[in-house]
Protein backbone atom coordinates (compact mmCIF):
# COMPACT_ATOMS: atom_id res chain seq x y z
CA VAL A 1 0.04 -0.21 0.43
CA GLY A 2 1.19 3.43 -0.30
CA PRO A 3 3.30 5.01 -0.98
CA THR A 4 1.94 8.26 1.13
CA PHE A 5 3.12 11.39 1.89
CA ILE A 6 4.28 11.96 5.75
CA SER A 7 5.98 14.93 6.38
CA SER A 8 9.27 16.75 4.67
CA SER A 9 11.78 18.63 6.08
CA ALA A 10 10.78 22.32 5.45
CA GLY A 11 6.87 21.82 5.66
CA SER A 12 6.87 21.78 1.89
CA PRO A 13 3.58 19.90 0.44
CA GLU A 14 2.85 16.93 -0.99
CA GLY A 15 5.30 17.18 -4.80
CA THR A 16 7.21 20.00 -4.06
CA LEU A 17 10.75 19.90 -2.31
CA GLN A 18 12.95 22.48 -1.79
CA VAL A 19 16.10 22.45 -1.61
CA SER A 20 18.11 20.00 0.10
CA GLU A 21 14.59 18.98 1.04
CA THR A 22 13.99 15.90 2.44
CA ALA A 23 10.46 14.65 1.68
CA THR A 24 9.58 10.96 3.57
CA TYR A 25 6.85 8.05 2.49
CA ILE A 26 5.46 5.19 3.93
CA ALA A 27 4.88 1.84 1.94
CA SER A 28 3.42 -1.10 3.41
CA THR A 29 2.25 -4.85 2.86
CA THR A 30 1.35 -7.67 3.87
CA ILE A 31 3.61 -11.00 4.01
CA THR A 32 1.86 -14.13 2.71
CA GLY A 33 1.53 -17.41 2.96
CA THR A 34 2.66 -17.94 -0.61
CA MET A 35 5.85 -15.05 -0.51
CA MET A 36 7.06 -17.35 2.26
CA GLY A 37 7.97 -19.65 -0.65
CA SER A 38 10.76 -17.48 -1.27
CA ALA A 39 13.72 -16.39 -0.26
CA PHE A 40 13.32 -12.41 0.29
CA ILE A 41 10.87 -9.49 -0.81
CA ALA A 42 12.55 -6.92 -2.92
CA ASN A 43 11.67 -3.31 -3.31
CA SER A 44 12.94 -0.29 -5.55
CA VAL A 45 10.95 3.00 -6.06
CA ILE A 46 11.78 5.70 -8.49
CA ALA A 47 11.56 9.27 -8.06
CA THR A 48 11.12 11.58 -11.13
CA ALA A 49 11.14 15.09 -11.12
CA SER A 50 11.12 18.41 -13.17
CA SER A 51 13.07 21.41 -12.48
CA THR A 52 14.75 24.26 -14.25
CA ALA A 53 17.05 21.61 -15.56
CA GLY A 54 14.61 19.53 -16.57
CA VAL A 55 12.94 16.53 -15.71
CA ILE A 56 15.08 14.56 -12.93
CA ASN A 57 14.77 10.79 -11.44
CA ASP A 58 16.59 8.77 -9.40
CA LYS A 59 16.11 4.93 -8.21
CA SER A 60 15.91 4.38 -4.53
CA ASP A 61 18.83 2.48 -2.54
CA ASP A 62 18.63 0.74 0.52
CA GLY A 63 22.03 2.52 2.35
CA ASP A 64 23.17 -0.89 2.87
CA ASP A 65 26.61 -0.20 1.52
CA THR A 66 28.47 -3.58 2.89
CA ASP A 67 26.51 -5.92 1.53
CA GLY A 68 28.60 -4.88 -1.68
CA ASN A 69 26.25 -3.34 -3.72
CA ILE A 70 27.12 -0.19 -3.79
CA LEU A 71 25.07 1.81 -6.19
CA ASP A 72 20.83 1.84 -6.35
CA ASP A 73 20.13 -1.65 -5.11
CA GLN A 74 16.90 -3.58 -4.01
CA THR A 75 15.30 -3.40 -0.72
CA GLU A 76 15.34 -6.75 0.48
CA VAL A 77 13.94 -8.47 3.52
CA ARG A 78 14.52 -11.30 4.04
CA LEU A 79 12.14 -14.03 4.85
CA ASN A 80 12.11 -16.89 7.29
CA PRO A 81 9.90 -20.05 5.26
CA ASP A 82 8.55 -22.90 7.83
CA PRO A 83 6.89 -25.23 6.27
CA ARG A 84 4.03 -27.86 9.04
CA ILE A 85 1.60 -29.76 8.37
CA ASN A 86 -0.46 -31.51 10.79
CA ILE A 87 -2.86 -34.51 10.84
CA THR A 88 -5.45 -35.90 12.98
CA LYS A 89 -7.62 -39.03 12.34
CA SER A 90 -10.65 -39.89 14.56
CA VAL A 91 -13.70 -43.53 13.79
CA GLU A 92 -17.26 -43.01 15.12
CA LEU A 93 -20.05 -45.81 14.77
CA THR A 94 -22.15 -43.97 12.01
CA SER A 95 -24.74 -46.93 11.31
CA ASP A 96 -25.56 -50.00 13.92
CA ASN A 97 -27.69 -53.39 12.58
CA GLY A 98 -29.52 -52.63 15.98
CA ASP A 99 -27.76 -55.48 17.52
CA GLY A 100 -26.44 -53.12 20.35
CA VAL A 101 -22.37 -54.45 19.75
CA ILE A 102 -20.01 -53.51 17.09
CA GLY A 103 -20.59 -56.73 14.65
CA VAL A 104 -21.44 -57.40 10.80
CA ALA A 105 -23.39 -54.64 8.67
CA ASP A 106 -21.99 -52.04 11.23
CA ILE A 107 -20.66 -48.91 9.10
CA ILE A 108 -18.00 -46.98 10.88
CA THR A 109 -16.85 -43.60 9.89
CA TYR A 110 -13.43 -41.68 9.99
CA THR A 111 -12.90 -38.11 9.90
CA ILE A 112 -9.24 -36.39 8.67
CA THR A 113 -8.47 -33.36 9.94
CA VAL A 114 -5.23 -31.91 7.72
CA SER A 115 -4.16 -28.45 9.31
CA ASN A 116 -1.36 -26.17 8.39
CA THR A 117 0.91 -24.73 11.54
CA GLY A 118 3.10 -23.52 9.08
CA ASN A 119 3.71 -19.86 8.02
CA ILE A 120 3.20 -21.04 4.42
CA ASP A 121 0.71 -21.96 1.87
CA LEU A 122 0.64 -25.72 1.22
CA LEU A 123 -0.07 -27.12 -2.32
CA ASN A 124 -0.97 -30.26 -3.91
CA ILE A 125 -2.15 -32.76 -0.66
CA GLN A 126 -2.42 -36.48 -0.89
CA LEU A 127 -3.18 -38.75 1.05
CA VAL A 128 -2.07 -42.64 2.40
CA ASP A 129 -4.64 -44.42 3.94
CA THR A 130 -3.71 -47.69 5.11
CA ILE A 131 -5.85 -49.68 6.96
CA VAL A 132 -5.13 -53.45 8.05
CA ASP A 133 -7.16 -55.92 9.99
CA GLY A 134 -6.75 -57.49 13.18
CA ASN A 135 -4.72 -60.43 11.68
CA ASN A 136 -2.57 -57.12 9.60
CA ASN A 137 -4.67 -58.19 6.07
CA LEU A 138 -4.59 -55.84 3.73
CA LEU A 139 -8.12 -53.45 3.40
CA ALA A 140 -9.58 -52.03 0.57
CA SER A 141 -9.26 -48.30 1.99
CA PRO A 142 -12.56 -45.84 1.66
CA THR A 143 -13.30 -42.80 -0.33
CA LEU A 144 -12.35 -39.81 1.56
CA THR A 145 -15.05 -36.77 1.33
CA GLN A 146 -13.49 -33.26 1.56
CA THR A 147 -16.30 -31.93 4.63
CA GLY A 148 -15.27 -29.19 5.65
CA SER A 149 -12.86 -26.28 5.74
CA ASN A 150 -11.38 -21.89 6.45
CA ASN A 151 -10.43 -19.61 4.40
CA GLY A 152 -11.25 -21.30 1.13
CA SER A 153 -8.87 -23.97 2.03
CA ASP A 154 -8.72 -27.95 -0.35
CA LEU A 155 -7.23 -30.01 -1.50
CA ASN A 156 -5.26 -28.45 -3.59
CA ARG A 157 -3.95 -25.44 -1.02
CA ILE A 158 -4.56 -25.40 3.01
CA LEU A 159 -3.32 -21.59 3.84
CA VAL A 160 -1.28 -20.59 6.78
CA GLY A 161 -4.02 -20.75 9.16
CA GLY A 162 -6.03 -22.66 7.04
CA TYR A 163 -7.38 -26.59 7.44
CA ILE A 164 -9.69 -29.39 5.61
CA THR A 165 -11.81 -31.98 6.31
CA LEU A 166 -12.22 -35.34 5.20
CA GLN A 167 -14.60 -37.79 5.46
CA GLY A 168 -14.84 -41.94 5.00
CA SER A 169 -16.39 -44.86 5.73
CA ILE A 170 -16.29 -48.88 6.12
CA THR A 171 -18.66 -51.11 6.07
CA LEU A 172 -17.52 -54.11 9.05
CA ASP A 173 -17.63 -57.49 7.11
CA GLN A 174 -17.16 -61.65 9.38
CA SER A 175 -13.32 -61.29 8.71
CA MET A 176 -12.68 -58.09 9.60
CA VAL A 177 -15.25 -59.13 12.64
CA ASN A 178 -13.65 -62.54 13.22
CA SER A 179 -9.65 -60.37 13.23
CA GLY A 180 -10.96 -58.16 16.24
CA LEU A 181 -9.73 -55.26 14.79
CA VAL A 182 -9.54 -52.63 12.48
CA SER A 183 -6.56 -50.58 12.58
CA ASN A 184 -5.69 -47.24 10.60
CA SER A 185 -3.95 -44.48 10.00
CA ILE A 186 -3.22 -41.70 7.14
CA VAL A 187 0.08 -39.99 6.16
CA VAL A 188 -0.69 -37.05 4.17
CA SER A 189 2.54 -35.00 2.53
CA ALA A 190 2.25 -31.37 0.68
CA LEU A 191 5.29 -29.35 -1.58
CA PRO A 192 5.11 -25.54 0.51
CA SER A 193 4.89 -23.74 -2.42
CA GLY A 194 7.91 -21.67 -3.83
CA ILE A 195 10.03 -25.05 -2.70
CA SER A 196 10.62 -28.39 -3.23
CA THR A 197 10.87 -30.51 -1.09
CA PRO A 198 7.28 -31.67 0.91
CA VAL A 199 6.50 -32.35 4.29
CA THR A 200 5.07 -35.05 5.69
CA ASP A 201 3.25 -36.05 8.76
CA ILE A 202 0.99 -39.81 10.27
CA SER A 203 -2.31 -38.73 10.98
CA ASP A 204 -2.72 -39.30 15.25
CA ASP A 205 -6.66 -40.12 17.23
CA PRO A 206 -7.36 -37.22 18.90
CA ASN A 207 -9.36 -38.68 21.03
CA THR A 208 -6.67 -40.04 22.55
CA THR A 209 -3.48 -39.87 24.30
């Protein structure tokens, strides 16, 4: 936003400079999760004025000649991206066949929440779901459907501070019941914006300690 005129050393109005006078302007920008994927934000400004000698201009310098660039170098703000992702997975019985116990034909539903807990947007969210029975036999994973999110996040992009919620269900059959157990975990991976190394996490059940 800006630049916006703040003041001048000799009291001249915006757009006028007397000899040896200095005018101060201010500009600002809001750092986004997409920007965090770069090493820095660079900025420069060109001032143009009319004088008795004609039109003159100058490009800004950052005022730091110790960086090796002593002429009109951009002003840089260094960034420190910290990509993080978190996934939780809970389960509940959502359909009972009426016998009062978990058994054949009952439906259990998994709720998965993937959260961006870092300071950079996360892209291309990938989920690898693994379900096994009590005999360690691999079971078919349920189809996951997104059921919620905040601030515009989805499976393509989870914004900083954002999350998505997904659900999937399985129907218990006799072999699952005979094995005595259905165990599930899910691995999530995502690419931080502008960074080639993915972040990953393995699901945890938020209802256990």
